């Protein structure tokens, strides 16, 4: 987030809609427990629930696929 966007949000200006990639990054950070309070508040203020659900489903699918692939490679 740029300094200007930060100032706009602090001054009560409407928050900008989050991009899908920012939502995906936020989902990844939250799933590994490294999400900070500032980002969590940003997510609740400017993120959409539908976007977060889609990002979480995609992340979960890719995570399970990655774990299954690693297990198959190790067991072979």
C-alpha atoms as a PDB file:
ATOM      1  CA  UNK A   1       0.000   0.000   0.000  1.00  0.00           C
ATOM      2  CA  UNK A   2       1.356   3.369  -0.927  1.00  0.00           C
ATOM      3  CA  UNK A   3       1.712   6.203   1.537  1.00  0.00           C
ATOM      4  CA  UNK A   4      -1.048   8.183  -0.202  1.00  0.00           C
ATOM      5  CA  UNK A   5      -3.506   5.262   0.030  1.00  0.00           C
ATOM      6  CA  UNK A   6      -2.686   4.930   3.709  1.00  0.00           C
ATOM      7  CA  UNK A   7      -3.385   8.640   4.256  1.00  0.00           C
ATOM      8  CA  UNK A   8      -6.655   8.389   2.320  1.00  0.00           C
ATOM      9  CA  UNK A   9      -7.866   5.512   4.479  1.00  0.00           C
ATOM     10  CA  UNK A  10      -6.893   7.299   7.682  1.00  0.00           C
ATOM     11  CA  UNK A  11      -8.836  10.398   6.629  1.00  0.00           C
ATOM     12  CA  UNK A  12     -12.089   8.493   6.261  1.00  0.00           C
ATOM     13  CA  UNK A  13     -11.994   8.238   2.483  1.00  0.00           C
ATOM     14  CA  UNK A  14     -13.722   5.154   1.114  1.00  0.00           C
ATOM     15  CA  UNK A  15     -11.403   2.159   0.936  1.00  0.00           C
ATOM     16  CA  UNK A  16     -10.431   0.883  -2.502  1.00  0.00           C
ATOM     17  CA  UNK A  17     -11.559  -2.559  -3.559  1.00  0.00           C
ATOM     18  CA  UNK A  18      -8.839  -5.153  -3.060  1.00  0.00           C
ATOM     19  CA  UNK A  19      -7.430  -6.972  -6.063  1.00  0.00           C
ATOM     20  CA  UNK A  20      -7.795 -10.740  -6.252  1.00  0.00           C
ATOM     21  CA  UNK A  21      -4.048 -11.209  -5.803  1.00  0.00           C
ATOM     22  CA  UNK A  22      -4.051  -9.155  -2.593  1.00  0.00           C
ATOM     23  CA  UNK A  23      -6.908 -11.312  -1.329  1.00  0.00           C
ATOM     24  CA  UNK A  24      -4.987 -14.456  -2.248  1.00  0.00           C
ATOM     25  CA  UNK A  25      -1.891 -13.176  -0.440  1.00  0.00           C
ATOM     26  CA  UNK A  26      -3.975 -12.326   2.608  1.00  0.00           C
ATOM     27  CA  UNK A  27      -5.527 -15.814   2.622  1.00  0.00           C
ATOM     28  CA  UNK A  28      -2.072 -17.397   2.424  1.00  0.00           C
ATOM     29  CA  UNK A  29      -0.743 -15.234   5.248  1.00  0.00           C
ATOM     30  CA  UNK A  30      -3.748 -15.976   7.425  1.00  0.00           C
ATOM     31  CA  UNK A  31      -3.559 -19.715   6.774  1.00  0.00           C
ATOM     32  CA  UNK A  32       0.045 -19.842   7.953  1.00  0.00           C
ATOM     33  CA  UNK A  33      -0.645 -17.546  10.916  1.00  0.00           C
ATOM     34  CA  UNK A  34       1.477 -14.593   9.817  1.00  0.00           C
ATOM     35  CA  UNK A  35      -1.309 -12.096   9.116  1.00  0.00           C
ATOM     36  CA  UNK A  36      -0.867  -8.852  11.048  1.00  0.00           C
ATOM     37  CA  UNK A  37      -3.582  -6.683  12.564  1.00  0.00           C
ATOM     38  CA  UNK A  38      -3.176  -3.857  10.035  1.00  0.00           C
ATOM     39  CA  UNK A  39      -3.742  -6.213   7.104  1.00  0.00           C
ATOM     40  CA  UNK A  40      -6.665  -7.904   8.837  1.00  0.00           C
ATOM     41  CA  UNK A  41      -8.368  -4.545   9.360  1.00  0.00           C
ATOM     42  CA  UNK A  42      -7.688  -3.615   5.716  1.00  0.00           C
ATOM     43  CA  UNK A  43      -9.219  -6.908   4.612  1.00  0.00           C
ATOM     44  CA  UNK A  44     -12.395  -6.384   6.607  1.00  0.00           C
ATOM     45  CA  UNK A  45     -12.698  -2.791   5.396  1.00  0.00           C
ATOM     46  CA  UNK A  46     -12.100  -3.264   1.678  1.00  0.00           C
ATOM     47  CA  UNK A  47     -12.376  -6.963   0.846  1.00  0.00           C
ATOM     48  CA  UNK A  48     -15.468  -8.804  -0.316  1.00  0.00           C
ATOM     49  CA  UNK A  49     -16.553 -12.051   1.281  1.00  0.00           C
ATOM     50  CA  UNK A  50     -17.082 -13.681  -2.125  1.00  0.00           C
ATOM     51  CA  UNK A  51     -13.541 -12.838  -3.176  1.00  0.00           C
ATOM     52  CA  UNK A  52     -12.086 -14.250   0.032  1.00  0.00           C
ATOM     53  CA  UNK A  53     -14.144 -17.446  -0.266  1.00  0.00           C
ATOM     54  CA  UNK A  54     -12.951 -17.989  -3.835  1.00  0.00           C
ATOM     55  CA  UNK A  55      -9.341 -17.237  -2.872  1.00  0.00           C
ATOM     56  CA  UNK A  56      -9.567 -19.622   0.100  1.00  0.00           C
ATOM     57  CA  UNK A  57     -11.009 -22.421  -2.042  1.00  0.00           C
ATOM     58  CA  UNK A  58      -8.300 -21.990  -4.670  1.00  0.00           C
ATOM     59  CA  UNK A  59      -5.577 -21.883  -2.012  1.00  0.00           C
ATOM     60  CA  UNK A  60      -6.960 -24.992  -0.284  1.00  0.00           C
ATOM     61  CA  UNK A  61      -7.124 -26.920  -3.561  1.00  0.00           C
ATOM     62  CA  UNK A  62      -3.559 -25.957  -4.509  1.00  0.00           C
ATOM     63  CA  UNK A  63      -2.262 -26.706  -1.006  1.00  0.00           C
ATOM     64  CA  UNK A  64      -3.834 -30.182  -0.937  1.00  0.00           C
ATOM     65  CA  UNK A  65      -2.587 -30.880  -4.474  1.00  0.00           C
ATOM     66  CA  UNK A  66       0.932 -29.812  -3.481  1.00  0.00           C
ATOM     67  CA  UNK A  67       0.957 -31.961  -0.340  1.00  0.00           C
ATOM     68  CA  UNK A  68      -0.379 -34.980  -2.264  1.00  0.00           C
ATOM     69  CA  UNK A  69       2.274 -34.525  -4.962  1.00  0.00           C
ATOM     70  CA  UNK A  70       5.093 -34.269  -2.421  1.00  0.00           C
ATOM     71  CA  UNK A  71       3.841 -37.380  -0.599  1.00  0.00           C
ATOM     72  CA  UNK A  72       3.659 -39.332  -3.859  1.00  0.00           C
ATOM     73  CA  UNK A  73       7.183 -38.265  -4.812  1.00  0.00           C
ATOM     74  CA  UNK A  74       8.581 -39.249  -1.407  1.00  0.00           C
ATOM     75  CA  UNK A  75       6.835 -42.624  -1.332  1.00  0.00           C
ATOM     76  CA  UNK A  76       8.086 -43.566  -4.807  1.00  0.00           C
END
